[in-house]
Each structure stands twice: as C-alpha cells, then as structure tokens.
PDB file of N, CA and C in Angstrom:
ATOM      1  N   MET A   1      72.319  63.589 119.442  1.00  0.00           N
ATOM      2  CA  MET A   1      71.486  64.770 119.273  1.00  0.00           C
ATOM      3  C   MET A   1      71.795  65.812 120.357  1.00  0.00           C
ATOM      4  N   ARG A   2      71.836  65.339 121.592  1.00  0.00           N
ATOM      5  CA  ARG A   2      72.121  66.253 122.703  1.00  0.00           C
ATOM      6  C   ARG A   2      73.510  66.858 122.562  1.00  0.00           C
ATOM      7  N   ARG A   3      74.446  66.056 122.122  1.00  0.00           N
ATOM      8  CA  ARG A   3      75.812  66.530 121.919  1.00  0.00           C
ATOM      9  C   ARG A   3      75.848  67.622 120.845  1.00  0.00           C
ATOM     10  N   SER A   4      75.063  67.475 119.797  1.00  0.00           N
ATOM     11  CA  SER A   4      74.997  68.466 118.725  1.00  0.00           C
ATOM     12  C   SER A   4      74.424  69.781 119.232  1.00  0.00           C
ATOM     13  N   ILE A   5      73.412  69.701 120.074  1.00  0.00           N
ATOM     14  CA  ILE A   5      72.797  70.907 120.624  1.00  0.00           C
ATOM     15  C   ILE A   5      73.787  71.637 121.521  1.00  0.00           C
ATOM     16  N   ILE A   6      74.520  70.906 122.334  1.00  0.00           N
ATOM     17  CA  ILE A   6      75.515  71.522 123.207  1.00  0.00           C
ATOM     18  C   ILE A   6      76.609  72.173 122.376  1.00  0.00           C
ATOM     19  N   LEU A   7      77.089  71.472 121.362  1.00  0.00           N
ATOM     20  CA  LEU A   7      78.131  72.018 120.490  1.00  0.00           C
ATOM     21  C   LEU A   7      77.638  73.272 119.764  1.00  0.00           C
ATOM     22  N   LEU A   8      76.406  73.232 119.277  1.00  0.00           N
ATOM     23  CA  LEU A   8      75.823  74.386 118.596  1.00  0.00           C
ATOM     24  C   LEU A   8      75.691  75.565 119.563  1.00  0.00           C
ATOM     25  N   SER A   9      75.265  75.302 120.798  1.00  0.00           N
ATOM     26  CA  SER A   9      75.122  76.361 121.795  1.00  0.00           C
ATOM     27  C   SER A   9      76.460  77.012 122.110  1.00  0.00           C
ATOM     28  N   ILE A  10      77.489  76.200 122.258  1.00  0.00           N
ATOM     29  CA  ILE A  10      78.824  76.732 122.534  1.00  0.00           C
ATOM     30  C   ILE A  10      79.307  77.574 121.373  1.00  0.00           C
ATOM     31  N   THR A  11      79.075  77.124 120.153  1.00  0.00           N
ATOM     32  CA  THR A  11      79.496  77.857 118.968  1.00  0.00           C
ATOM     33  C   THR A  11      78.783  79.205 118.880  1.00  0.00           C
ATOM     34  N   VAL A  12      77.487  79.216 119.098  1.00  0.00           N
ATOM     35  CA  VAL A  12      76.711  80.460 119.049  1.00  0.00           C
ATOM     36  C   VAL A  12      77.192  81.419 120.123  1.00  0.00           C
ATOM     37  N   PHE A  13      77.437  80.927 121.333  1.00  0.00           N
ATOM     38  CA  PHE A  13      77.925  81.769 122.416  1.00  0.00           C
ATOM     39  C   PHE A  13      79.286  82.369 122.073  1.00  0.00           C
ATOM     40  N   ALA A  14      80.189  81.547 121.536  1.00  0.00           N
ATOM     41  CA  ALA A  14      81.530  82.019 121.189  1.00  0.00           C
ATOM     42  C   ALA A  14      81.465  83.081 120.096  1.00  0.00           C
ATOM     43  N   LEU A  15      80.618  82.866 119.114  1.00  0.00           N
ATOM     44  CA  LEU A  15      80.473  83.860 118.049  1.00  0.00           C
ATOM     45  C   LEU A  15      79.890  85.157 118.584  1.00  0.00           C
ATOM     46  N   GLY A  16      78.903  85.043 119.441  1.00  0.00           N
ATOM     47  CA  GLY A  16      78.288  86.236 120.029  1.00  0.00           C
ATOM     48  C   GLY A  16      79.260  87.020 120.879  1.00  0.00           C
ATOM     49  N   ALA A  17      80.091  86.326 121.641  1.00  0.00           N
ATOM     50  CA  ALA A  17      81.069  86.996 122.488  1.00  0.00           C
ATOM     51  C   ALA A  17      82.134  87.690 121.657  1.00  0.00           C
ATOM     52  N   GLY A  18      82.445  87.152 120.500  1.00  0.00           N
ATOM     53  CA  GLY A  18      83.461  87.745 119.640  1.00  0.00           C
ATOM     54  C   GLY A  18      82.952  88.891 118.796  1.00  0.00           C
ATOM     55  N   CYS A  19      81.668  89.108 118.805  1.00  0.00           N
ATOM     56  CA  CYS A  19      81.089  90.157 117.962  1.00  0.00           C
ATOM     57  C   CYS A  19      80.624  91.358 118.762  1.00  0.00           C
ATOM     58  N   LYS A  20      81.314  91.674 119.821  1.00  0.00           N
ATOM     59  CA  LYS A  20      80.960  92.862 120.601  1.00  0.00           C
ATOM     60  C   LYS A  20      81.155  94.105 119.768  1.00  0.00           C
ATOM     61  N   LYS A  21      80.270  95.056 119.963  1.00  0.00           N
ATOM     62  CA  LYS A  21      80.432  96.339 119.293  1.00  0.00           C
ATOM     63  C   LYS A  21      81.609  97.059 119.908  1.00  0.00           C
ATOM     64  N   ASN A  22      82.349  97.757 119.073  1.00  0.00           N
ATOM     65  CA  ASN A  22      83.463  98.565 119.550  1.00  0.00           C
ATOM     66  C   ASN A  22      82.911  99.941 119.887  1.00  0.00           C
ATOM     67  N   SER A  23      82.220 100.018 121.013  1.00  0.00           N
ATOM     68  CA  SER A  23      81.573 101.280 121.363  1.00  0.00           C
ATOM     69  C   SER A  23      82.544 102.172 122.112  1.00  0.00           C
ATOM     70  N   GLU A  24      82.367 103.468 121.908  1.00  0.00           N
ATOM     71  CA  GLU A  24      83.219 104.434 122.577  1.00  0.00           C
ATOM     72  C   GLU A  24      82.720 104.649 123.991  1.00  0.00           C
ATOM     73  N   LYS A  25      83.639 104.976 124.858  1.00  0.00           N
ATOM     74  CA  LYS A  25      83.294 105.264 126.238  1.00  0.00           C
ATOM     75  C   LYS A  25      82.475 106.549 126.268  1.00  0.00           C
ATOM     76  N   THR A  26      81.327 106.470 126.899  1.00  0.00           N
ATOM     77  CA  THR A  26      80.525 107.684 127.055  1.00  0.00           C
ATOM     78  C   THR A  26      80.471 108.046 128.521  1.00  0.00           C
ATOM     79  N   GLU A  27      80.629 109.296 128.800  1.00  0.00           N
ATOM     80  CA  GLU A  27      80.594 109.787 130.166  1.00  0.00           C
ATOM     81  C   GLU A  27      79.178 110.232 130.478  1.00  0.00           C
ATOM     82  N   VAL A  28      78.756 109.924 131.665  1.00  0.00           N
ATOM     83  CA  VAL A  28      77.416 110.327 132.079  1.00  0.00           C
ATOM     84  C   VAL A  28      77.406 111.833 132.269  1.00  0.00           C
ATOM     85  N   VAL A  29      76.490 112.471 131.601  1.00  0.00           N
ATOM     86  CA  VAL A  29      76.307 113.907 131.773  1.00  0.00           C
ATOM     87  C   VAL A  29      74.961 114.126 132.448  1.00  0.00           C
ATOM     88  N   ALA A  30      74.569 115.355 132.573  1.00  0.00           N
ATOM     89  CA  ALA A  30      73.371 115.724 133.336  1.00  0.00           C
ATOM     90  C   ALA A  30      72.189 114.795 133.061  1.00  0.00           C
ATOM     91  N   GLN A  31      71.700 114.185 134.118  1.00  0.00           N
ATOM     92  CA  GLN A  31      70.493 113.373 134.013  1.00  0.00           C
ATOM     93  C   GLN A  31      69.282 114.292 133.879  1.00  0.00           C
ATOM     94  N   THR A  32      69.380 115.428 134.514  1.00  0.00           N
ATOM     95  CA  THR A  32      68.337 116.440 134.424  1.00  0.00           C
ATOM     96  C   THR A  32      69.028 117.792 134.268  1.00  0.00           C
ATOM     97  N   CYS A  33      68.385 118.681 133.603  1.00  0.00           N
ATOM     98  CA  CYS A  33      68.987 119.991 133.378  1.00  0.00           C
ATOM     99  C   CYS A  33      68.474 121.032 134.363  1.00  0.00           C
ATOM    100  N   ASN A  34      67.747 120.588 135.373  1.00  0.00           N
ATOM    101  CA  ASN A  34      67.277 121.517 136.409  1.00  0.00           C
ATOM    102  C   ASN A  34      68.472 122.174 137.070  1.00  0.00           C
ATOM    103  N   GLY A  35      68.481 123.469 137.096  1.00  0.00           N
ATOM    104  CA  GLY A  35      69.551 124.207 137.751  1.00  0.00           C
ATOM    105  C   GLY A  35      70.804 124.405 136.915  1.00  0.00           C
ATOM    106  N   VAL A  36      70.824 123.888 135.693  1.00  0.00           N
ATOM    107  CA  VAL A  36      71.985 124.067 134.820  1.00  0.00           C
ATOM    108  C   VAL A  36      71.742 125.297 133.953  1.00  0.00           C
ATOM    109  N   ASP A  37      72.579 126.307 134.119  1.00  0.00           N
ATOM    110  CA  ASP A  37      72.474 127.523 133.313  1.00  0.00           C
ATOM    111  C   ASP A  37      73.115 127.229 131.961  1.00  0.00           C
ATOM    112  N   SER A  38      72.281 127.057 130.962  1.00  0.00           N
ATOM    113  CA  SER A  38      72.793 126.686 129.645  1.00  0.00           C
ATOM    114  C   SER A  38      72.449 127.731 128.586  1.00  0.00           C
ATOM    115  N   ARG A  39      72.468 128.995 128.987  1.00  0.00           N
ATOM    116  CA  ARG A  39      72.213 130.056 128.021  1.00  0.00           C
ATOM    117  C   ARG A  39      73.362 130.123 127.020  1.00  0.00           C
ATOM    118  N   PHE A  40      73.010 130.274 125.757  1.00  0.00           N
ATOM    119  CA  PHE A  40      74.010 130.242 124.697  1.00  0.00           C
ATOM    120  C   PHE A  40      75.060 131.329 124.856  1.00  0.00           C
ATOM    121  N   ALA A  41      74.622 132.577 124.859  1.00  0.00           N
ATOM    122  CA  ALA A  41      75.581 133.693 124.850  1.00  0.00           C
ATOM    123  C   ALA A  41      76.456 133.727 126.101  1.00  0.00           C
ATOM    124  N   LEU A  42      75.894 133.414 127.238  1.00  0.00           N
ATOM    125  CA  LEU A  42      76.619 133.531 128.498  1.00  0.00           C
ATOM    126  C   LEU A  42      77.467 132.305 128.822  1.00  0.00           C
ATOM    127  N   LYS A  43      77.004 131.115 128.454  1.00  0.00           N
ATOM    128  CA  LYS A  43      77.671 129.890 128.891  1.00  0.00           C
ATOM    129  C   LYS A  43      78.234 129.044 127.744  1.00  0.00           C
ATOM    130  N   VAL A  44      77.387 128.712 126.780  1.00  0.00           N
ATOM    131  CA  VAL A  44      77.791 127.787 125.715  1.00  0.00           C
ATOM    132  C   VAL A  44      78.837 128.407 124.790  1.00  0.00           C
ATOM    133  N   PHE A  45      78.555 129.593 124.295  1.00  0.00           N
ATOM    134  CA  PHE A  45      79.459 130.233 123.336  1.00  0.00           C
ATOM    135  C   PHE A  45      80.883 130.380 123.874  1.00  0.00           C
ATOM    136  N   PRO A  46      81.071 130.856 125.121  1.00  0.00           N
ATOM    137  CA  PRO A  46      82.449 130.955 125.631  1.00  0.00           C
ATOM    138  C   PRO A  46      83.165 129.600 125.707  1.00  0.00           C
ATOM    139  N   ILE A  47      82.454 128.550 126.056  1.00  0.00           N
ATOM    140  CA  ILE A  47      83.081 127.227 126.109  1.00  0.00           C
ATOM    141  C   ILE A  47      83.536 126.803 124.720  1.00  0.00           C
ATOM    142  N   ILE A  48      82.670 126.956 123.730  1.00  0.00           N
ATOM    143  CA  ILE A  48      83.005 126.572 122.352  1.00  0.00           C
ATOM    144  C   ILE A  48      84.173 127.417 121.842  1.00  0.00           C
ATOM    145  N   GLN A  49      84.132 128.715 122.101  1.00  0.00           N
ATOM    146  CA  GLN A  49      85.207 129.590 121.636  1.00  0.00           C
ATOM    147  C   GLN A  49      86.545 129.227 122.280  1.00  0.00           C
ATOM    148  N   ASN A  50      86.543 128.980 123.562  1.00  0.00           N
ATOM    149  CA  ASN A  50      87.789 128.696 124.270  1.00  0.00           C
ATOM    150  C   ASN A  50      88.314 127.286 124.049  1.00  0.00           C
ATOM    151  N   SER A  51      87.432 126.336 123.792  1.00  0.00           N
ATOM    152  CA  SER A  51      87.862 124.937 123.691  1.00  0.00           C
ATOM    153  C   SER A  51      87.860 124.379 122.276  1.00  0.00           C
ATOM    154  N   CYS A  52      87.154 125.041 121.361  1.00  0.00           N
ATOM    155  CA  CYS A  52      86.974 124.449 120.034  1.00  0.00           C
ATOM    156  C   CYS A  52      87.400 125.361 118.878  1.00  0.00           C
ATOM    157  N   ALA A  53      87.145 126.639 119.014  1.00  0.00           N
ATOM    158  CA  ALA A  53      87.307 127.536 117.868  1.00  0.00           C
ATOM    159  C   ALA A  53      88.520 128.450 117.978  1.00  0.00           C
ATOM    160  N   ALA A  54      88.343 129.556 118.614  1.00  0.00           N
ATOM    161  CA  ALA A  54      89.342 130.625 118.594  1.00  0.00           C
ATOM    162  C   ALA A  54      90.701 130.244 119.175  1.00  0.00           C
ATOM    163  N   SER A  55      90.729 129.789 120.411  1.00  0.00           N
ATOM    164  CA  SER A  55      92.020 129.582 121.072  1.00  0.00           C
ATOM    165  C   SER A  55      92.790 128.383 120.530  1.00  0.00           C
ATOM    166  N   VAL A  56      92.097 127.352 120.070  1.00  0.00           N
ATOM    167  CA  VAL A  56      92.797 126.159 119.565  1.00  0.00           C
ATOM    168  C   VAL A  56      92.798 126.074 118.052  1.00  0.00           C
ATOM    169  N   GLY A  57      91.919 126.796 117.419  1.00  0.00           N
ATOM    170  CA  GLY A  57      91.910 126.886 115.972  1.00  0.00           C
ATOM    171  C   GLY A  57      91.333 125.706 115.213  1.00  0.00           C
ATOM    172  N   CYS A  58      90.938 124.655 115.885  1.00  0.00           N
ATOM    173  CA  CYS A  58      90.415 123.483 115.174  1.00  0.00           C
ATOM    174  C   CYS A  58      89.132 123.793 114.406  1.00  0.00           C
ATOM    175  N   HIS A  59      88.289 124.632 114.975  1.00  0.00           N
ATOM    176  CA  HIS A  59      87.023 124.977 114.330  1.00  0.00           C
ATOM    177  C   HIS A  59      86.895 126.490 114.171  1.00  0.00           C
ATOM    178  N   GLY A  60      88.004 127.124 113.828  1.00  0.00           N
ATOM    179  CA  GLY A  60      88.015 128.560 113.573  1.00  0.00           C
ATOM    180  C   GLY A  60      87.548 128.868 112.160  1.00  0.00           C
ATOM    181  N   ASN A  61      87.740 130.110 111.726  1.00  0.00           N
ATOM    182  CA  ASN A  61      87.363 130.528 110.370  1.00  0.00           C
ATOM    183  C   ASN A  61      87.934 129.577 109.334  1.00  0.00           C
ATOM    184  N   SER A  62      87.172 129.258 108.340  1.00  0.00           N
ATOM    185  CA  SER A  62      87.570 128.419 107.205  1.00  0.00           C
ATOM    186  C   SER A  62      87.963 126.999 107.593  1.00  0.00           C
ATOM    187  N   SER A  63      87.556 126.536 108.746  1.00  0.00           N
ATOM    188  CA  SER A  63      87.892 125.181 109.178  1.00  0.00           C
ATOM    189  C   SER A  63      87.144 124.143 108.355  1.00  0.00           C
ATOM    190  N   GLY A  64      87.841 123.096 108.010  1.00  0.00           N
ATOM    191  CA  GLY A  64      87.227 121.961 107.339  1.00  0.00           C
ATOM    192  C   GLY A  64      87.140 120.759 108.262  1.00  0.00           C
ATOM    193  N   ASN A  65      87.509 120.940 109.523  1.00  0.00           N
ATOM    194  CA  ASN A  65      87.473 119.843 110.495  1.00  0.00           C
ATOM    195  C   ASN A  65      86.050 119.544 110.922  1.00  0.00           C
ATOM    196  N   GLY A  66      85.683 118.283 110.923  1.00  0.00           N
ATOM    197  CA  GLY A  66      84.363 117.869 111.418  1.00  0.00           C
ATOM    198  C   GLY A  66      83.250 118.691 110.826  1.00  0.00           C
ATOM    199  N   PRO A  67      82.476 119.368 111.691  1.00  0.00           N
ATOM    200  CA  PRO A  67      81.359 120.174 111.193  1.00  0.00           C
ATOM    201  C   PRO A  67      81.799 121.523 110.638  1.00  0.00           C
ATOM    202  N   GLY A  68      83.102 121.792 110.620  1.00  0.00           N
ATOM    203  CA  GLY A  68      83.601 123.060 110.090  1.00  0.00           C
ATOM    204  C   GLY A  68      83.764 124.106 111.168  1.00  0.00           C
ATOM    205  N   ALA A  69      83.713 125.348 110.756  1.00  0.00           N
ATOM    206  CA  ALA A  69      83.887 126.468 111.686  1.00  0.00           C
ATOM    207  C   ALA A  69      82.754 126.500 112.705  1.00  0.00           C
ATOM    208  N   LEU A  70      83.112 126.846 113.932  1.00  0.00           N
ATOM    209  CA  LEU A  70      82.132 126.998 115.007  1.00  0.00           C
ATOM    210  C   LEU A  70      82.365 128.347 115.678  1.00  0.00           C
ATOM    211  N   ILE A  71      82.117 129.399 114.900  1.00  0.00           N
ATOM    212  CA  ILE A  71      82.424 130.728 115.433  1.00  0.00           C
ATOM    213  C   ILE A  71      81.205 131.624 115.615  1.00  0.00           C
ATOM    214  N   ASN A  72      80.029 131.142 115.242  1.00  0.00           N
ATOM    215  CA  ASN A  72      78.828 131.937 115.468  1.00  0.00           C
ATOM    216  C   ASN A  72      77.655 131.016 115.798  1.00  0.00           C
ATOM    217  N   PHE A  73      76.561 131.633 116.234  1.00  0.00           N
ATOM    218  CA  PHE A  73      75.404 130.846 116.660  1.00  0.00           C
ATOM    219  C   PHE A  73      74.914 129.894 115.571  1.00  0.00           C
ATOM    220  N   LEU A  74      74.754 130.367 114.360  1.00  0.00           N
ATOM    221  CA  LEU A  74      74.210 129.529 113.291  1.00  0.00           C
ATOM    222  C   LEU A  74      75.079 128.295 113.046  1.00  0.00           C
ATOM    223  N   GLN A  75      76.376 128.475 112.975  1.00  0.00           N
ATOM    224  CA  GLN A  75      77.280 127.338 112.756  1.00  0.00           C
ATOM    225  C   GLN A  75      77.205 126.348 113.915  1.00  0.00           C
ATOM    226  N   ILE A  76      77.185 126.870 115.114  1.00  0.00           N
ATOM    227  CA  ILE A  76      77.156 126.005 116.292  1.00  0.00           C
ATOM    228  C   ILE A  76      75.820 125.281 116.402  1.00  0.00           C
ATOM    229  N   SER A  77      74.728 125.988 116.200  1.00  0.00           N
ATOM    230  CA  SER A  77      73.416 125.340 116.308  1.00  0.00           C
ATOM    231  C   SER A  77      73.209 124.313 115.191  1.00  0.00           C
ATOM    232  N   ASN A  78      73.723 124.589 113.996  1.00  0.00           N
ATOM    233  CA  ASN A  78      73.614 123.612 112.907  1.00  0.00           C
ATOM    234  C   ASN A  78      74.413 122.342 113.186  1.00  0.00           C
ATOM    235  N   ALA A  79      75.453 122.460 113.990  1.00  0.00           N
ATOM    236  CA  ALA A  79      76.308 121.319 114.317  1.00  0.00           C
ATOM    237  C   ALA A  79      75.973 120.723 115.683  1.00  0.00           C
ATOM    238  N   ALA A  80      74.849 121.099 116.261  1.00  0.00           N
ATOM    239  CA  ALA A  80      74.513 120.705 117.628  1.00  0.00           C
ATOM    240  C   ALA A  80      74.571 119.197 117.858  1.00  0.00           C
ATOM    241  N   THR A  81      74.034 118.413 116.958  1.00  0.00           N
ATOM    242  CA  THR A  81      74.037 116.954 117.130  1.00  0.00           C
ATOM    243  C   THR A  81      75.457 116.406 117.144  1.00  0.00           C
ATOM    244  N   ALA A  82      76.286 116.872 116.227  1.00  0.00           N
ATOM    245  CA  ALA A  82      77.679 116.421 116.178  1.00  0.00           C
ATOM    246  C   ALA A  82      78.442 116.878 117.413  1.00  0.00           C
ATOM    247  N   ILE A  83      78.170 118.096 117.856  1.00  0.00           N
ATOM    248  CA  ILE A  83      78.834 118.619 119.053  1.00  0.00           C
ATOM    249  C   ILE A  83      78.461 117.779 120.271  1.00  0.00           C
ATOM    250  N   LYS A  84      77.174 117.497 120.422  1.00  0.00           N
ATOM    251  CA  LYS A  84      76.716 116.707 121.566  1.00  0.00           C
ATOM    252  C   LYS A  84      77.393 115.340 121.578  1.00  0.00           C
ATOM    253  N   SER A  85      77.419 114.683 120.448  1.00  0.00           N
ATOM    254  CA  SER A  85      78.047 113.366 120.367  1.00  0.00           C
ATOM    255  C   SER A  85      79.530 113.432 120.733  1.00  0.00           C
ATOM    256  N   ALA A  86      80.233 114.414 120.189  1.00  0.00           N
ATOM    257  CA  ALA A  86      81.668 114.551 120.442  1.00  0.00           C
ATOM    258  C   ALA A  86      81.955 114.892 121.900  1.00  0.00           C
ATOM    259  N   VAL A  87      81.115 115.713 122.500  1.00  0.00           N
ATOM    260  CA  VAL A  87      81.307 116.117 123.889  1.00  0.00           C
ATOM    261  C   VAL A  87      80.996 114.947 124.836  1.00  0.00           C
ATOM    262  N   VAL A  88      79.882 114.274 124.618  1.00  0.00           N
ATOM    263  CA  VAL A  88      79.470 113.186 125.502  1.00  0.00           C
ATOM    264  C   VAL A  88      80.455 112.021 125.453  1.00  0.00           C
ATOM    265  N   THR A  89      80.962 111.699 124.283  1.00  0.00           N
ATOM    266  CA  THR A  89      81.895 110.575 124.164  1.00  0.00           C
ATOM    267  C   THR A  89      83.311 110.949 124.554  1.00  0.00           C
ATOM    268  N   GLY A  90      83.579 112.244 124.693  1.00  0.00           N
ATOM    269  CA  GLY A  90      84.919 112.687 125.049  1.00  0.00           C
ATOM    270  C   GLY A  90      85.881 112.774 123.878  1.00  0.00           C
ATOM    271  N   ARG A  91      85.356 112.628 122.649  1.00  0.00           N
ATOM    272  CA  ARG A  91      86.218 112.740 121.465  1.00  0.00           C
ATOM    273  C   ARG A  91      86.733 114.156 121.282  1.00  0.00           C
ATOM    274  N   MET A  92      85.966 115.113 121.747  1.00  0.00           N
ATOM    275  CA  MET A  92      86.339 116.515 121.609  1.00  0.00           C
ATOM    276  C   MET A  92      86.240 117.197 122.958  1.00  0.00           C
ATOM    277  N   PRO A  93      86.994 118.188 123.159  1.00  0.00           N
ATOM    278  CA  PRO A  93      87.996 118.778 122.278  1.00  0.00           C
ATOM    279  C   PRO A  93      89.294 117.965 122.282  1.00  0.00           C
ATOM    280  N   LYS A  94      89.913 117.900 121.131  1.00  0.00           N
ATOM    281  CA  LYS A  94      91.170 117.174 120.984  1.00  0.00           C
ATOM    282  C   LYS A  94      92.255 117.836 121.819  1.00  0.00           C
ATOM    283  N   GLY A  95      93.045 117.016 122.448  1.00  0.00           N
ATOM    284  CA  GLY A  95      94.172 117.524 123.213  1.00  0.00           C
ATOM    285  C   GLY A  95      93.828 118.109 124.569  1.00  0.00           C
ATOM    286  N   SER A  96      92.567 118.120 124.937  1.00  0.00           N
ATOM    287  CA  SER A  96      92.155 118.604 126.250  1.00  0.00           C
ATOM    288  C   SER A  96      90.816 117.969 126.588  1.00  0.00           C
ATOM    289  N   SER A  97      90.207 118.433 127.629  1.00  0.00           N
ATOM    290  CA  SER A  97      88.897 117.899 127.985  1.00  0.00           C
ATOM    291  C   SER A  97      88.055 118.991 128.614  1.00  0.00           C
ATOM    292  N   LEU A  98      86.769 118.766 128.591  1.00  0.00           N
ATOM    293  CA  LEU A  98      85.839 119.685 129.236  1.00  0.00           C
ATOM    294  C   LEU A  98      85.501 119.135 130.608  1.00  0.00           C
ATOM    295  N   SER A  99      85.193 120.027 131.524  1.00  0.00           N
ATOM    296  CA  SER A  99      84.749 119.580 132.849  1.00  0.00           C
ATOM    297  C   SER A  99      83.343 118.991 132.716  1.00  0.00           C
ATOM    298  N   VAL A 100      82.930 118.257 133.710  1.00  0.00           N
ATOM    299  CA  VAL A 100      81.572 117.717 133.709  1.00  0.00           C
ATOM    300  C   VAL A 100      80.567 118.858 133.644  1.00  0.00           C
ATOM    301  N   GLN A 101      80.839 119.942 134.346  1.00  0.00           N
ATOM    302  CA  GLN A 101      79.941 121.104 134.325  1.00  0.00           C
ATOM    303  C   GLN A 101      79.836 121.681 132.912  1.00  0.00           C
ATOM    304  N   GLU A 102      80.953 121.814 132.214  1.00  0.00           N
ATOM    305  CA  GLU A 102      80.928 122.344 130.844  1.00  0.00           C
ATOM    306  C   GLU A 102      80.159 121.406 129.914  1.00  0.00           C
ATOM    307  N   LYS A 103      80.358 120.112 130.084  1.00  0.00           N
ATOM    308  CA  LYS A 103      79.610 119.138 129.272  1.00  0.00           C
ATOM    309  C   LYS A 103      78.119 119.258 129.544  1.00  0.00           C
ATOM    310  N   ASP A 104      77.757 119.375 130.819  1.00  0.00           N
ATOM    311  CA  ASP A 104      76.342 119.527 131.177  1.00  0.00           C
ATOM    312  C   ASP A 104      75.736 120.763 130.531  1.00  0.00           C
ATOM    313  N   ILE A 105      76.470 121.860 130.541  1.00  0.00           N
ATOM    314  CA  ILE A 105      75.974 123.111 129.952  1.00  0.00           C
ATOM    315  C   ILE A 105      75.685 122.916 128.475  1.00  0.00           C
ATOM    316  N   ILE A 106      76.621 122.325 127.755  1.00  0.00           N
ATOM    317  CA  ILE A 106      76.445 122.123 126.307  1.00  0.00           C
ATOM    318  C   ILE A 106      75.301 121.155 126.033  1.00  0.00           C
ATOM    319  N   VAL A 107      75.286 120.031 126.728  1.00  0.00           N
ATOM    320  CA  VAL A 107      74.243 119.022 126.497  1.00  0.00           C
ATOM    321  C   VAL A 107      72.867 119.571 126.850  1.00  0.00           C
ATOM    322  N   CYS A 108      72.756 120.294 127.958  1.00  0.00           N
ATOM    323  CA  CYS A 108      71.456 120.859 128.337  1.00  0.00           C
ATOM    324  C   CYS A 108      70.979 121.901 127.346  1.00  0.00           C
ATOM    325  N   TRP A 109      71.897 122.700 126.819  1.00  0.00           N
ATOM    326  CA  TRP A 109      71.522 123.681 125.791  1.00  0.00           C
ATOM    327  C   TRP A 109      70.988 122.973 124.548  1.00  0.00           C
ATOM    328  N   ILE A 110      71.660 121.930 124.121  1.00  0.00           N
ATOM    329  CA  ILE A 110      71.219 121.175 122.939  1.00  0.00           C
ATOM    330  C   ILE A 110      69.898 120.467 123.227  1.00  0.00           C
ATOM    331  N   ASN A 111      69.778 119.858 124.392  1.00  0.00           N
ATOM    332  CA  ASN A 111      68.527 119.162 124.755  1.00  0.00           C
ATOM    333  C   ASN A 111      67.342 120.108 124.839  1.00  0.00           C
ATOM    334  N   SER A 112      67.603 121.384 125.098  1.00  0.00           N
ATOM    335  CA  SER A 112      66.503 122.351 125.166  1.00  0.00           C
ATOM    336  C   SER A 112      66.169 122.948 123.804  1.00  0.00           C
ATOM    337  N   GLY A 113      66.776 122.407 122.742  1.00  0.00           N
ATOM    338  CA  GLY A 113      66.467 122.871 121.389  1.00  0.00           C
ATOM    339  C   GLY A 113      67.485 123.825 120.832  1.00  0.00           C
ATOM    340  N   ALA A 114      68.619 123.991 121.500  1.00  0.00           N
ATOM    341  CA  ALA A 114      69.709 124.875 121.047  1.00  0.00           C
ATOM    342  C   ALA A 114      69.200 126.294 120.744  1.00  0.00           C
ATOM    343  N   PRO A 115      68.567 126.938 121.743  1.00  0.00           N
ATOM    344  CA  PRO A 115      68.024 128.278 121.499  1.00  0.00           C
ATOM    345  C   PRO A 115      69.102 129.348 121.447  1.00  0.00           C
ATOM    346  N   ASN A 116      68.805 130.435 120.761  1.00  0.00           N
ATOM    347  CA  ASN A 116      69.711 131.570 120.694  1.00  0.00           C
ATOM    348  C   ASN A 116      69.362 132.515 121.840  1.00  0.00           C
ATOM    349  N   ASN A 117      69.830 132.145 123.021  1.00  0.00           N
ATOM    350  CA  ASN A 117      69.511 132.937 124.205  1.00  0.00           C
ATOM    351  C   ASN A 117      70.765 133.413 124.906  1.00  0.00           C
TER     352      ASN A 117
END
C-alpha cells in the first residue's frame, strides 16, 4: 500500500512538472504611475506612430496586422488591451523594442482609462 502511494505521488509530480504553461516573458513595468506623464497627444501617440504605425508600417493605413491600423486616437484606444499585452510581453514592436520609460507611458495611459488627453 505504501509503495503504491509513493509511486502514485511520483507519477503525479512528474505529470505536473511536465505540464508547465508556456508563458511568455513579461517585463515589469511601472508599479505605480505616479510621476509618469502619459498624456495621449504628447507622449503615447508619438511612441505608437514612431514604433508601430507610420515609420515601420506594420499598423499604418489599411493594416490587417493584429488590431489593424493604429493611426488615430479611436483606433489606438479601441486596441488598448491588445497594445498593453503586446508591449508588456515584449512581442511588439517587431524588430525593435521600447524603452522601459516608453512602456511605462503606454501602460499608465491604458491603466488610467486610455483618455484622449
């Protein structure tokens, strides 16, 4: 009986260890947004334009990539959840990366309700 319990325990442990989630690496971004200037027009929009839309073309006019075009406030705010996930995990922008400060700006803007400010 004891041998069966030990064997069962080892089997359960081995199965559990083999079933790890394949989670993506997430980078720690702003724990608090105090002092982070996350105004849309002044900070967020230029980052999106330079890293996602205009200069690289991935999310420019008529884009079908991911959430589509990210060239105006409405498109960007509608895609806020997808943008936050992509930025925090480092999946985007493809072929480059954002600084921690740029990530904080985007995440804080989204966490504050993605206002048009």
